[in-house]
Amino acid sequence: MSDISGVKALVFDVFGTVVDWRGSVIREGEALSRAKGLSVDWPRFADEWRREGYSEAIGRIRRGEAPFELADALHRRKLDELLTRHGVSGLSEAEVGDLNRVWHRLQPWPDSVPGLIRLKTRYVISPLSNGNFALLTNMAKNAGLPWDCIMSAELFGAYKSDPATYLGAARLLGLEPGQVVMVAAHSPDLRAAQSLGLATAFVSRPDEHGPGGRAAPPDGDFDVVANSFLKLADALGC
């Protein structure tokens, strides 16, 4: 572990790092199938929704190929396409809208809340996520995530890995970049933050894309490497 004794705040990637987006979407989708008599491959549906409706859509915005839109709007546009692709019909507008808000109800990894509670005793903690502000607020309320504040791409009008997000987070906290640790399970996110002077912590989430997955090794020289938020708290003396 590098010397990060001057750090005052930790900011967290959320989807995959703090919450189990894939498992949460699959569970709610399967519950909807039981209630409505649907036949849907929900693991495939979840993967397509995340990849096409979120990652690829945000990539187009970052490249200047599309205007900035909130994650809720990106999710909904892709959801409408996927329902048709997967042969789902007969849902009311209210039911489709509620399914789109599954992203507001994502469940945390088992170590997330206890780890965050420990980290909060020493540091300011906040998400730094491409999720929109309402999504992150509702998620925190639903999942009991004990954030001190919420920082969303919506506040900066830009998505990670735009420098405006990382530097904007430090600015809003009244800190220098080196006083902030970016925590994520994804090396590209950390490398982008690191290039701007933020400290970095890699937390492994091998089950992000399904149970029994292989943990992606940290692809970079990060300040802290841990396999849970509890181990991260140990490393940071919390």
Protein backbone atom coordinates (compact mmCIF):
# COMPACT_ATOMS: atom_id res chain seq x y z
CA MET A 1 0.00 0.00 0.00
CA SER A 2 1.29 3.47 -0.89
CA ASP A 3 1.44 6.29 1.64
CA ILE A 4 -1.94 8.00 1.43
CA SER A 5 -1.87 9.55 4.89
CA GLY A 6 -3.11 12.87 3.51
CA VAL A 7 -6.35 11.46 2.15
CA LYS A 8 -9.57 13.00 3.47
CA ALA A 9 -12.27 11.45 1.28
CA LEU A 10 -13.13 8.28 -0.61
CA VAL A 11 -15.31 8.37 -3.73
CA PHE A 12 -16.76 5.16 -5.12
CA ASP A 13 -17.72 3.73 -8.43
CA VAL A 14 -21.13 2.18 -7.74
CA PHE A 15 -22.35 -0.27 -10.42
CA GLY A 16 -20.41 -3.46 -9.82
CA THR A 17 -18.21 -1.99 -7.10
CA VAL A 18 -20.78 -1.18 -4.41
CA VAL A 19 -23.86 -2.95 -5.76
CA ASP A 20 -24.55 -6.18 -7.63
CA TRP A 21 -26.29 -4.72 -10.68
CA ARG A 22 -26.54 -7.99 -12.60
CA GLY A 23 -27.92 -10.18 -9.82
CA SER A 24 -30.39 -7.47 -8.82
CA VAL A 25 -31.79 -7.06 -12.34
CA ILE A 26 -32.07 -10.83 -12.80
CA ARG A 27 -33.93 -11.32 -9.50
CA GLU A 28 -36.46 -8.58 -10.23
CA GLY A 29 -36.88 -9.78 -13.81
CA GLU A 30 -37.55 -13.33 -12.69
CA ALA A 31 -40.10 -12.06 -10.17
CA LEU A 32 -41.83 -10.16 -12.98
CA SER A 33 -41.84 -13.31 -15.12
CA ARG A 34 -43.55 -15.26 -12.36
CA ALA A 35 -46.13 -12.55 -11.83
CA LYS A 36 -46.91 -12.02 -15.53
CA GLY A 37 -46.27 -15.47 -17.00
CA LEU A 38 -43.30 -14.32 -19.10
CA SER A 39 -40.50 -16.42 -20.56
CA VAL A 40 -37.34 -14.31 -20.63
CA ASP A 41 -33.64 -15.14 -20.41
CA TRP A 42 -33.02 -12.58 -17.70
CA PRO A 43 -29.23 -13.08 -17.40
CA ARG A 44 -28.91 -12.32 -21.11
CA PHE A 45 -31.41 -9.45 -20.81
CA ALA A 46 -29.43 -7.91 -17.93
CA ASP A 47 -26.13 -8.18 -19.78
CA GLU A 48 -27.56 -6.57 -22.93
CA TRP A 49 -29.24 -3.82 -20.95
CA ARG A 50 -26.04 -2.94 -19.14
CA ARG A 51 -23.77 -3.19 -22.18
CA GLU A 52 -25.95 -1.57 -24.84
CA GLY A 53 -28.16 0.75 -22.81
CA TYR A 54 -25.49 2.04 -20.44
CA SER A 55 -21.86 1.36 -21.33
CA GLU A 56 -22.18 1.78 -25.09
CA ALA A 57 -24.61 4.71 -24.80
CA ILE A 58 -22.29 6.55 -22.42
CA GLY A 59 -19.38 5.83 -24.75
CA ARG A 60 -21.21 7.62 -27.56
CA ILE A 61 -21.82 10.62 -25.32
CA ARG A 62 -18.16 10.75 -24.23
CA ARG A 63 -17.06 10.68 -27.89
CA GLY A 64 -19.35 13.60 -28.71
CA GLU A 65 -21.62 11.45 -30.90
CA ALA A 66 -24.72 12.10 -28.77
CA PRO A 67 -25.85 14.80 -26.33
CA PHE A 68 -25.64 14.29 -22.58
CA GLU A 69 -28.64 12.43 -21.17
CA LEU A 70 -29.31 10.99 -17.74
CA ALA A 71 -28.76 7.30 -17.09
CA ASP A 72 -32.51 6.83 -16.46
CA ALA A 73 -33.25 8.02 -20.01
CA LEU A 74 -30.53 5.82 -21.51
CA HIS A 75 -31.82 2.81 -19.59
CA ARG A 76 -35.43 3.42 -20.65
CA ARG A 77 -34.63 3.78 -24.34
CA LYS A 78 -32.77 0.48 -24.36
CA LEU A 79 -35.41 -1.22 -22.20
CA ASP A 80 -38.09 -0.48 -24.79
CA GLU A 81 -35.86 -2.05 -27.48
CA LEU A 82 -35.04 -5.10 -25.36
CA LEU A 83 -38.65 -5.83 -24.46
CA THR A 84 -39.42 -6.07 -28.18
CA ARG A 85 -36.24 -8.08 -28.88
CA HIS A 86 -37.08 -10.60 -26.17
CA GLY A 87 -40.72 -10.91 -27.17
CA VAL A 88 -42.15 -9.29 -24.04
CA SER A 89 -45.58 -7.73 -24.49
CA GLY A 90 -48.61 -6.91 -22.41
CA LEU A 91 -46.86 -4.77 -19.79
CA SER A 92 -48.52 -1.51 -18.84
CA GLU A 93 -46.63 1.76 -18.94
CA ALA A 94 -46.53 1.70 -15.14
CA GLU A 95 -45.01 -1.79 -15.18
CA VAL A 96 -42.38 -0.83 -17.76
CA GLY A 97 -41.54 2.30 -15.78
CA ASP A 98 -41.19 0.29 -12.60
CA LEU A 99 -38.90 -2.19 -14.34
CA ASN A 100 -36.74 0.68 -15.56
CA ARG A 101 -36.38 1.83 -11.95
CA VAL A 102 -34.83 -1.51 -10.98
CA TRP A 103 -31.55 0.42 -11.29
CA HIS A 104 -32.72 2.54 -8.35
CA ARG A 105 -33.16 -0.63 -6.28
CA LEU A 106 -29.87 -2.45 -6.86
CA GLN A 107 -28.70 -4.46 -3.88
CA PRO A 108 -25.25 -4.05 -2.31
CA TRP A 109 -22.59 -6.71 -2.05
CA PRO A 110 -22.65 -8.26 1.45
CA ASP A 111 -19.54 -6.39 2.60
CA SER A 112 -20.53 -3.00 1.15
CA VAL A 113 -22.64 -1.51 3.94
CA PRO A 114 -20.53 -2.75 6.90
CA GLY A 115 -17.37 -1.70 5.07
CA LEU A 116 -18.73 1.75 4.27
CA ILE A 117 -19.82 2.25 7.88
CA ARG A 118 -16.26 1.58 9.02
CA LEU A 119 -14.70 3.79 6.33
CA LYS A 120 -17.11 6.62 7.21
CA THR A 121 -15.63 6.82 10.72
CA ARG A 122 -12.43 8.30 9.27
CA TYR A 123 -13.23 9.62 5.80
CA VAL A 124 -15.90 11.51 3.93
CA ILE A 125 -17.49 8.91 1.65
CA SER A 126 -19.52 9.50 -1.50
CA PRO A 127 -20.42 7.78 -4.73
CA LEU A 128 -18.83 9.16 -7.88
CA SER A 129 -21.03 7.43 -10.40
CA ASN A 130 -22.44 7.76 -13.88
CA GLY A 131 -25.84 7.08 -12.34
CA ASN A 132 -28.08 10.14 -12.14
CA PHE A 133 -28.72 11.93 -8.87
CA ALA A 134 -32.22 10.59 -8.21
CA LEU A 135 -31.11 7.04 -9.06
CA LEU A 136 -28.20 7.20 -6.61
CA THR A 137 -30.32 8.83 -3.91
CA ASN A 138 -33.06 6.22 -4.19
CA MET A 139 -30.51 3.41 -4.30
CA ALA A 140 -28.86 4.68 -1.12
CA LYS A 141 -32.19 4.95 0.67
CA ASN A 142 -33.30 1.49 -0.44
CA ALA A 143 -30.00 -0.29 0.23
CA GLY A 144 -28.94 1.57 3.39
CA LEU A 145 -25.77 2.99 1.83
CA PRO A 146 -24.44 5.47 4.41
CA TRP A 147 -23.05 8.14 2.10
CA ASP A 148 -22.06 11.56 3.46
CA CYS A 149 -23.12 13.12 0.16
CA ILE A 150 -23.92 12.04 -3.38
CA MET A 151 -21.91 12.97 -6.47
CA SER A 152 -23.35 12.03 -9.82
CA ALA A 153 -22.24 12.61 -13.39
CA GLU A 154 -25.40 14.71 -13.59
CA LEU A 155 -23.73 17.37 -11.42
CA PHE A 156 -20.91 17.77 -13.93
CA GLY A 157 -22.80 17.24 -17.20
CA ALA A 158 -20.17 14.66 -18.12
CA TYR A 159 -19.58 10.95 -17.69
CA LYS A 160 -16.52 9.21 -16.33
CA SER A 161 -13.80 9.07 -17.53
CA ASP A 162 -14.12 12.76 -18.42
CA PRO A 163 -11.70 14.71 -16.20
CA ALA A 164 -14.59 16.97 -15.18
CA THR A 165 -15.99 14.18 -13.02
CA TYR A 166 -12.89 13.34 -10.97
CA LEU A 167 -11.64 16.90 -10.64
CA GLY A 168 -15.19 18.12 -10.02
CA ALA A 169 -15.55 15.69 -7.12
CA ALA A 170 -12.40 16.99 -5.47
CA ARG A 171 -13.52 20.58 -6.05
CA LEU A 172 -16.96 20.03 -4.53
CA LEU A 173 -15.33 18.45 -1.47
CA GLY A 174 -12.94 21.39 -1.12
CA LEU A 175 -9.94 19.08 -1.51
CA GLU A 176 -6.93 18.66 -3.72
CA PRO A 177 -7.09 15.62 -6.03
CA GLY A 178 -4.40 13.84 -4.02
CA GLN A 179 -6.58 14.06 -0.92
CA VAL A 180 -9.26 11.93 -2.59
CA VAL A 181 -9.20 8.16 -3.21
CA MET A 182 -11.15 6.77 -6.14
CA VAL A 183 -12.43 3.29 -5.23
CA ALA A 184 -13.50 0.96 -8.02
CA ALA A 185 -13.53 -2.62 -9.24
CA HIS A 186 -12.62 -1.45 -12.76
CA SER A 187 -9.04 -0.57 -13.65
CA PRO A 188 -9.87 1.92 -16.47
CA ASP A 189 -11.85 4.05 -14.00
CA LEU A 190 -8.91 4.05 -11.60
CA ARG A 191 -6.31 4.79 -14.25
CA ALA A 192 -8.31 7.80 -15.42
CA ALA A 193 -8.55 9.12 -11.85
CA GLN A 194 -4.88 8.39 -11.21
CA SER A 195 -3.82 10.36 -14.28
CA LEU A 196 -5.44 13.44 -12.70
CA GLY A 197 -3.70 13.06 -9.35
CA LEU A 198 -6.29 11.14 -7.33
CA ALA A 199 -5.19 8.26 -5.14
CA THR A 200 -6.69 4.90 -6.09
CA ALA A 201 -8.04 1.72 -4.49
CA PHE A 202 -8.90 -1.41 -6.46
CA VAL A 203 -11.53 -3.69 -4.89
CA SER A 204 -12.03 -7.03 -6.60
CA ARG A 205 -15.61 -8.09 -7.50
CA PRO A 206 -15.28 -11.44 -9.28
CA ASP A 207 -19.05 -12.09 -9.23
CA GLU A 208 -19.99 -8.86 -11.04
CA HIS A 209 -20.79 -10.71 -14.27
CA GLY A 210 -22.17 -13.83 -12.62
CA PRO A 211 -21.46 -16.22 -9.74
CA GLY A 212 -18.16 -18.03 -9.91
CA GLY A 213 -16.54 -15.48 -12.15
CA ARG A 214 -12.81 -14.94 -12.20
CA ALA A 215 -11.56 -11.84 -10.45
CA ALA A 216 -10.04 -9.40 -12.93
CA PRO A 217 -6.58 -8.51 -11.63
CA PRO A 218 -5.78 -4.84 -11.09
CA ASP A 219 -4.42 -3.50 -14.35
CA GLY A 220 -2.31 -0.72 -12.92
CA ASP A 221 -0.15 0.31 -9.99
CA PHE A 222 -2.84 1.38 -7.54
CA ASP A 223 -2.33 2.66 -3.99
CA VAL A 224 -4.47 -0.01 -2.33
CA VAL A 225 -5.68 -3.41 -3.56
CA ALA A 226 -8.33 -5.31 -1.56
CA ASN A 227 -10.94 -8.02 -2.10
CA SER A 228 -13.71 -6.37 -0.05
CA PHE A 229 -14.66 -3.09 1.58
CA LEU A 230 -13.88 -4.69 4.93
CA LYS A 231 -10.32 -5.41 3.79
CA LEU A 232 -10.13 -1.88 2.41
CA ALA A 233 -11.14 -0.57 5.83
CA ASP A 234 -8.42 -2.73 7.41
CA ALA A 235 -5.83 -1.34 5.01
CA LEU A 236 -6.88 2.24 5.77
CA GLY A 237 -6.93 1.77 9.52
CA CYS A 238 -10.68 2.04 10.02
